[in-house]
N, C-alpha and C. Protein backbone atom coordinates (compact mmCIF):
# COMPACT_ATOMS: atom_id res chain seq x y z
N MET A 1 2.91 11.86 -10.38
CA MET A 1 2.56 11.44 -9.03
C MET A 1 3.07 12.48 -8.04
N ALA A 2 2.61 12.35 -6.84
CA ALA A 2 2.94 13.30 -5.79
C ALA A 2 4.40 13.18 -5.35
N LEU A 3 4.90 14.24 -4.76
CA LEU A 3 6.20 14.21 -4.11
C LEU A 3 5.97 14.09 -2.61
N ILE A 4 6.88 13.43 -1.93
CA ILE A 4 6.77 13.30 -0.47
C ILE A 4 7.30 14.58 0.15
N PRO A 5 6.52 15.23 1.03
CA PRO A 5 7.00 16.46 1.67
C PRO A 5 8.31 16.23 2.43
N LYS A 6 9.14 17.24 2.48
CA LYS A 6 10.47 17.14 3.10
C LYS A 6 10.43 16.82 4.59
N ASP A 7 9.34 17.18 5.30
CA ASP A 7 9.29 16.91 6.74
C ASP A 7 8.65 15.55 7.04
N PHE A 8 8.51 14.70 6.03
CA PHE A 8 7.99 13.35 6.22
C PHE A 8 9.15 12.37 6.31
N VAL A 9 8.98 11.31 7.10
CA VAL A 9 10.04 10.31 7.29
C VAL A 9 9.49 8.92 6.98
N ASN A 10 10.38 8.04 6.57
CA ASN A 10 10.02 6.64 6.33
C ASN A 10 9.84 5.97 7.69
N TYR A 11 8.63 5.56 8.00
CA TYR A 11 8.38 4.95 9.30
C TYR A 11 8.15 3.45 9.23
N LYS A 12 7.97 2.93 8.02
CA LYS A 12 7.73 1.49 7.88
C LYS A 12 7.96 1.10 6.43
N SER A 13 8.44 -0.13 6.21
CA SER A 13 8.60 -0.68 4.87
C SER A 13 8.11 -2.12 4.88
N THR A 14 7.59 -2.57 3.75
CA THR A 14 7.13 -3.94 3.64
C THR A 14 8.32 -4.85 3.33
N PRO A 15 8.11 -6.15 3.48
CA PRO A 15 9.11 -7.07 2.93
C PRO A 15 9.07 -6.99 1.41
N ILE A 16 9.96 -7.67 0.76
CA ILE A 16 9.95 -7.71 -0.71
C ILE A 16 8.84 -8.67 -1.14
N PHE A 17 8.00 -8.19 -2.06
CA PHE A 17 6.91 -8.99 -2.59
C PHE A 17 7.25 -9.49 -3.99
N SER A 18 6.76 -10.69 -4.31
CA SER A 18 6.86 -11.27 -5.65
C SER A 18 5.48 -11.84 -6.00
N HIS A 19 5.37 -12.49 -7.13
CA HIS A 19 4.08 -13.13 -7.49
C HIS A 19 3.62 -14.09 -6.40
N ASP A 20 4.56 -14.79 -5.77
CA ASP A 20 4.22 -15.78 -4.76
C ASP A 20 3.87 -15.19 -3.40
N SER A 21 4.32 -13.96 -3.13
CA SER A 21 4.15 -13.42 -1.78
C SER A 21 3.35 -12.13 -1.70
N VAL A 22 2.95 -11.57 -2.83
CA VAL A 22 2.24 -10.28 -2.81
C VAL A 22 0.91 -10.44 -2.06
N HIS A 23 0.61 -9.48 -1.20
CA HIS A 23 -0.68 -9.47 -0.52
C HIS A 23 -1.77 -9.21 -1.55
N LYS A 24 -2.78 -10.03 -1.55
CA LYS A 24 -3.85 -9.92 -2.55
C LYS A 24 -4.53 -8.55 -2.51
N MET A 25 -4.57 -7.93 -1.32
CA MET A 25 -5.18 -6.61 -1.19
C MET A 25 -4.53 -5.60 -2.14
N LEU A 26 -3.22 -5.72 -2.36
CA LEU A 26 -2.51 -4.78 -3.21
C LEU A 26 -2.92 -4.88 -4.67
N LEU A 27 -3.47 -6.03 -5.06
CA LEU A 27 -3.88 -6.26 -6.44
C LEU A 27 -5.29 -5.74 -6.71
N HIS A 28 -5.97 -5.30 -5.67
CA HIS A 28 -7.33 -4.77 -5.78
C HIS A 28 -7.35 -3.33 -5.26
N MET A 29 -8.36 -2.58 -5.64
CA MET A 29 -8.44 -1.18 -5.23
C MET A 29 -8.39 -1.05 -3.70
N HIS A 30 -7.51 -0.19 -3.25
CA HIS A 30 -7.37 0.13 -1.82
C HIS A 30 -6.80 1.55 -1.76
N ASN A 31 -6.76 2.12 -0.58
CA ASN A 31 -6.19 3.46 -0.49
C ASN A 31 -5.16 3.54 0.62
N THR A 32 -4.37 4.58 0.55
CA THR A 32 -3.35 4.85 1.56
C THR A 32 -4.02 5.60 2.70
N LYS A 33 -3.58 5.36 3.94
CA LYS A 33 -4.16 6.04 5.09
C LYS A 33 -4.00 7.55 5.01
N ALA A 34 -4.88 8.26 5.70
CA ALA A 34 -4.75 9.71 5.81
C ALA A 34 -3.38 10.04 6.41
N GLY A 35 -2.70 11.01 5.84
CA GLY A 35 -1.40 11.44 6.34
C GLY A 35 -0.23 10.57 5.94
N VAL A 36 -0.47 9.58 5.08
CA VAL A 36 0.59 8.63 4.71
C VAL A 36 0.80 8.62 3.20
N TYR A 37 2.06 8.72 2.80
CA TYR A 37 2.46 8.54 1.41
C TYR A 37 3.07 7.15 1.28
N GLY A 38 2.79 6.47 0.19
CA GLY A 38 3.42 5.19 -0.10
C GLY A 38 4.35 5.34 -1.28
N GLN A 39 5.56 4.82 -1.15
CA GLN A 39 6.51 4.84 -2.26
C GLN A 39 6.73 3.39 -2.69
N ILE A 40 6.34 3.10 -3.92
CA ILE A 40 6.53 1.76 -4.48
C ILE A 40 7.90 1.71 -5.13
N GLN A 41 8.70 0.75 -4.72
CA GLN A 41 10.05 0.58 -5.25
C GLN A 41 10.11 -0.77 -5.96
N VAL A 42 10.30 -0.75 -7.27
CA VAL A 42 10.39 -1.98 -8.04
C VAL A 42 11.86 -2.40 -8.10
N LEU A 43 12.13 -3.60 -7.62
CA LEU A 43 13.50 -4.12 -7.54
C LEU A 43 13.87 -4.97 -8.74
N ALA A 44 12.87 -5.65 -9.32
CA ALA A 44 13.09 -6.49 -10.50
C ALA A 44 11.80 -6.53 -11.30
N GLY A 45 11.94 -6.73 -12.59
CA GLY A 45 10.77 -6.85 -13.44
C GLY A 45 10.06 -5.54 -13.69
N GLN A 46 8.74 -5.61 -13.72
CA GLN A 46 7.93 -4.44 -14.06
C GLN A 46 6.57 -4.54 -13.38
N LEU A 47 6.08 -3.41 -12.92
CA LEU A 47 4.81 -3.32 -12.22
C LEU A 47 4.01 -2.16 -12.82
N THR A 48 2.70 -2.31 -12.91
CA THR A 48 1.86 -1.20 -13.34
C THR A 48 1.04 -0.72 -12.15
N PHE A 49 1.07 0.58 -11.92
CA PHE A 49 0.31 1.25 -10.86
C PHE A 49 -0.91 1.88 -11.52
N TYR A 50 -2.09 1.58 -10.98
CA TYR A 50 -3.34 2.16 -11.46
C TYR A 50 -3.90 3.05 -10.36
N GLY A 51 -4.15 4.31 -10.66
CA GLY A 51 -4.75 5.24 -9.71
C GLY A 51 -6.17 5.57 -10.15
N PHE A 52 -7.06 5.77 -9.18
CA PHE A 52 -8.46 6.01 -9.46
C PHE A 52 -8.94 7.30 -8.82
N THR A 53 -9.96 7.90 -9.41
CA THR A 53 -10.48 9.18 -8.93
C THR A 53 -11.09 9.08 -7.54
N ASP A 54 -11.68 7.94 -7.21
CA ASP A 54 -12.21 7.66 -5.87
C ASP A 54 -12.51 6.17 -5.78
N ARG A 55 -13.15 5.76 -4.70
CA ARG A 55 -13.36 4.33 -4.44
C ARG A 55 -14.03 3.60 -5.60
N ARG A 56 -14.98 4.22 -6.21
CA ARG A 56 -15.67 3.60 -7.34
C ARG A 56 -15.41 4.40 -8.63
N GLY A 57 -14.31 5.13 -8.60
CA GLY A 57 -14.02 6.08 -9.66
C GLY A 57 -13.43 5.50 -10.91
N GLU A 58 -13.28 6.38 -11.85
CA GLU A 58 -12.67 6.04 -13.12
C GLU A 58 -11.15 6.02 -12.97
N LEU A 59 -10.51 5.38 -13.93
CA LEU A 59 -9.05 5.35 -13.95
C LEU A 59 -8.53 6.77 -14.09
N ASP A 60 -7.67 7.16 -13.17
CA ASP A 60 -7.09 8.50 -13.14
C ASP A 60 -5.70 8.50 -13.79
N LYS A 61 -4.93 7.44 -13.51
CA LYS A 61 -3.59 7.33 -14.09
C LYS A 61 -3.16 5.88 -14.12
N GLN A 62 -2.29 5.59 -15.05
CA GLN A 62 -1.70 4.28 -15.21
C GLN A 62 -0.22 4.49 -15.45
N ILE A 63 0.61 3.97 -14.55
CA ILE A 63 2.05 4.22 -14.62
C ILE A 63 2.80 2.89 -14.61
N VAL A 64 3.64 2.68 -15.59
CA VAL A 64 4.50 1.50 -15.62
C VAL A 64 5.77 1.84 -14.87
N ILE A 65 6.12 0.99 -13.90
CA ILE A 65 7.30 1.20 -13.07
C ILE A 65 8.26 0.04 -13.35
N ASN A 66 9.43 0.35 -13.85
CA ASN A 66 10.43 -0.66 -14.17
C ASN A 66 11.40 -0.86 -13.01
N ALA A 67 12.16 -1.95 -13.08
CA ALA A 67 13.18 -2.23 -12.07
C ALA A 67 14.08 -1.02 -11.89
N GLY A 68 14.32 -0.66 -10.64
CA GLY A 68 15.17 0.49 -10.33
C GLY A 68 14.41 1.80 -10.23
N GLU A 69 13.10 1.78 -10.48
CA GLU A 69 12.30 2.99 -10.42
C GLU A 69 11.34 2.96 -9.24
N THR A 70 10.83 4.13 -8.89
CA THR A 70 9.85 4.25 -7.82
C THR A 70 8.69 5.12 -8.29
N ALA A 71 7.59 5.03 -7.57
CA ALA A 71 6.44 5.91 -7.80
C ALA A 71 5.79 6.17 -6.44
N ILE A 72 5.11 7.29 -6.33
CA ILE A 72 4.52 7.73 -5.06
C ILE A 72 3.00 7.73 -5.17
N SER A 73 2.36 7.24 -4.11
CA SER A 73 0.91 7.33 -3.96
C SER A 73 0.63 8.26 -2.79
N HIS A 74 -0.14 9.30 -3.02
CA HIS A 74 -0.38 10.28 -1.96
C HIS A 74 -1.47 9.77 -0.99
N PRO A 75 -1.63 10.41 0.16
CA PRO A 75 -2.59 9.97 1.17
C PRO A 75 -4.02 9.86 0.62
N GLU A 76 -4.68 8.79 1.03
CA GLU A 76 -6.09 8.53 0.72
C GLU A 76 -6.37 8.40 -0.77
N TYR A 77 -5.37 8.02 -1.54
CA TYR A 77 -5.52 7.87 -2.99
C TYR A 77 -5.84 6.41 -3.30
N TRP A 78 -6.91 6.17 -4.04
CA TRP A 78 -7.33 4.82 -4.40
C TRP A 78 -6.46 4.31 -5.54
N HIS A 79 -5.96 3.08 -5.37
CA HIS A 79 -5.04 2.53 -6.36
C HIS A 79 -4.96 1.01 -6.24
N LYS A 80 -4.28 0.40 -7.19
CA LYS A 80 -3.94 -1.02 -7.15
C LYS A 80 -2.71 -1.22 -8.01
N VAL A 81 -2.09 -2.39 -7.89
CA VAL A 81 -0.91 -2.69 -8.70
C VAL A 81 -1.13 -3.99 -9.46
N GLU A 82 -0.38 -4.13 -10.53
CA GLU A 82 -0.38 -5.37 -11.31
C GLU A 82 1.07 -5.72 -11.62
N LEU A 83 1.48 -6.93 -11.26
CA LEU A 83 2.83 -7.39 -11.55
C LEU A 83 2.86 -7.84 -13.01
N MET A 84 3.74 -7.26 -13.80
CA MET A 84 3.72 -7.43 -15.26
C MET A 84 4.65 -8.53 -15.77
N THR A 85 5.64 -8.92 -14.98
CA THR A 85 6.57 -9.96 -15.41
C THR A 85 6.68 -11.02 -14.32
N ASP A 86 7.09 -12.21 -14.71
CA ASP A 86 7.19 -13.31 -13.75
C ASP A 86 8.21 -13.04 -12.65
N ASP A 87 9.23 -12.23 -12.97
CA ASP A 87 10.30 -11.97 -12.01
C ASP A 87 10.09 -10.69 -11.20
N THR A 88 8.91 -10.06 -11.29
CA THR A 88 8.67 -8.80 -10.59
C THR A 88 8.85 -8.95 -9.08
N GLU A 89 9.62 -8.05 -8.51
CA GLU A 89 9.79 -7.94 -7.06
C GLU A 89 9.70 -6.47 -6.70
N PHE A 90 8.98 -6.17 -5.60
CA PHE A 90 8.83 -4.79 -5.18
C PHE A 90 8.61 -4.72 -3.69
N ARG A 91 8.77 -3.54 -3.17
CA ARG A 91 8.45 -3.28 -1.75
C ARG A 91 7.82 -1.90 -1.68
N ILE A 92 7.19 -1.62 -0.55
CA ILE A 92 6.54 -0.33 -0.35
C ILE A 92 7.11 0.31 0.90
N HIS A 93 7.50 1.58 0.79
CA HIS A 93 7.98 2.36 1.92
C HIS A 93 6.88 3.36 2.27
N PHE A 94 6.56 3.47 3.56
CA PHE A 94 5.51 4.38 4.01
C PHE A 94 6.11 5.57 4.73
N TYR A 95 5.60 6.75 4.42
CA TYR A 95 6.11 8.00 4.96
C TYR A 95 4.98 8.78 5.63
N ALA A 96 5.29 9.39 6.77
CA ALA A 96 4.35 10.26 7.47
C ALA A 96 5.13 11.44 8.06
N GLN A 97 4.42 12.49 8.42
CA GLN A 97 5.04 13.69 8.99
C GLN A 97 5.81 13.27 10.23
N LYS A 98 7.05 13.75 10.35
CA LYS A 98 7.95 13.25 11.40
C LYS A 98 7.42 13.41 12.81
N ASP A 99 6.58 14.40 13.08
CA ASP A 99 6.04 14.60 14.42
C ASP A 99 4.61 14.04 14.57
N SER A 100 4.18 13.22 13.63
CA SER A 100 2.80 12.72 13.64
C SER A 100 2.61 11.56 14.62
N GLU A 101 1.37 11.32 14.96
CA GLU A 101 1.01 10.18 15.82
C GLU A 101 1.36 8.86 15.13
N ILE A 102 1.24 8.81 13.81
CA ILE A 102 1.56 7.59 13.06
C ILE A 102 3.01 7.19 13.31
N VAL A 103 3.92 8.14 13.20
CA VAL A 103 5.35 7.86 13.41
C VAL A 103 5.62 7.53 14.87
N ALA A 104 5.02 8.29 15.79
CA ALA A 104 5.20 8.03 17.23
C ALA A 104 4.74 6.63 17.59
N GLN A 105 3.60 6.21 17.05
CA GLN A 105 3.08 4.87 17.34
C GLN A 105 4.02 3.80 16.81
N GLN A 106 4.51 3.98 15.61
CA GLN A 106 5.43 3.00 15.02
C GLN A 106 6.72 2.90 15.84
N GLN A 107 7.23 4.04 16.31
CA GLN A 107 8.45 4.02 17.12
C GLN A 107 8.20 3.32 18.45
N SER A 108 7.03 3.53 19.06
CA SER A 108 6.75 2.87 20.33
C SER A 108 6.59 1.37 20.16
N GLU A 109 6.08 0.93 19.01
CA GLU A 109 5.97 -0.51 18.74
C GLU A 109 7.34 -1.13 18.57
N ARG A 110 8.28 -0.40 18.00
CA ARG A 110 9.65 -0.90 17.83
C ARG A 110 10.36 -1.02 19.16
N ASN A 111 10.01 -0.16 20.13
CA ASN A 111 10.69 -0.16 21.42
C ASN A 111 10.17 -1.22 22.38
N GLU A 112 9.05 -1.83 22.05
CA GLU A 112 8.46 -2.82 22.96
C GLU A 112 9.12 -4.16 22.83
């Protein structure tokens, strides 16, 4: 998987998701916004990350992420996740270039 560039910063993180709280969108093919890397952090259990060549593409990669591990999804990459154990918990951290409009917008929302 991709590495997050050094001049990118964490501008937003999700709450912790479990089987009961995971957004259904994450379980189906979706992509990360342009200019944004997503870091999936598995806190408990096990999750499988599926990456695709494009919106209707073939499976590009399948990565099992165990508790205590992370994986990165690069910008505009089509993917989905599958929670593999009943106790799976995870969160997603989003990163963008520190001087980007994405980060500036998020900071202005925090200040309001």
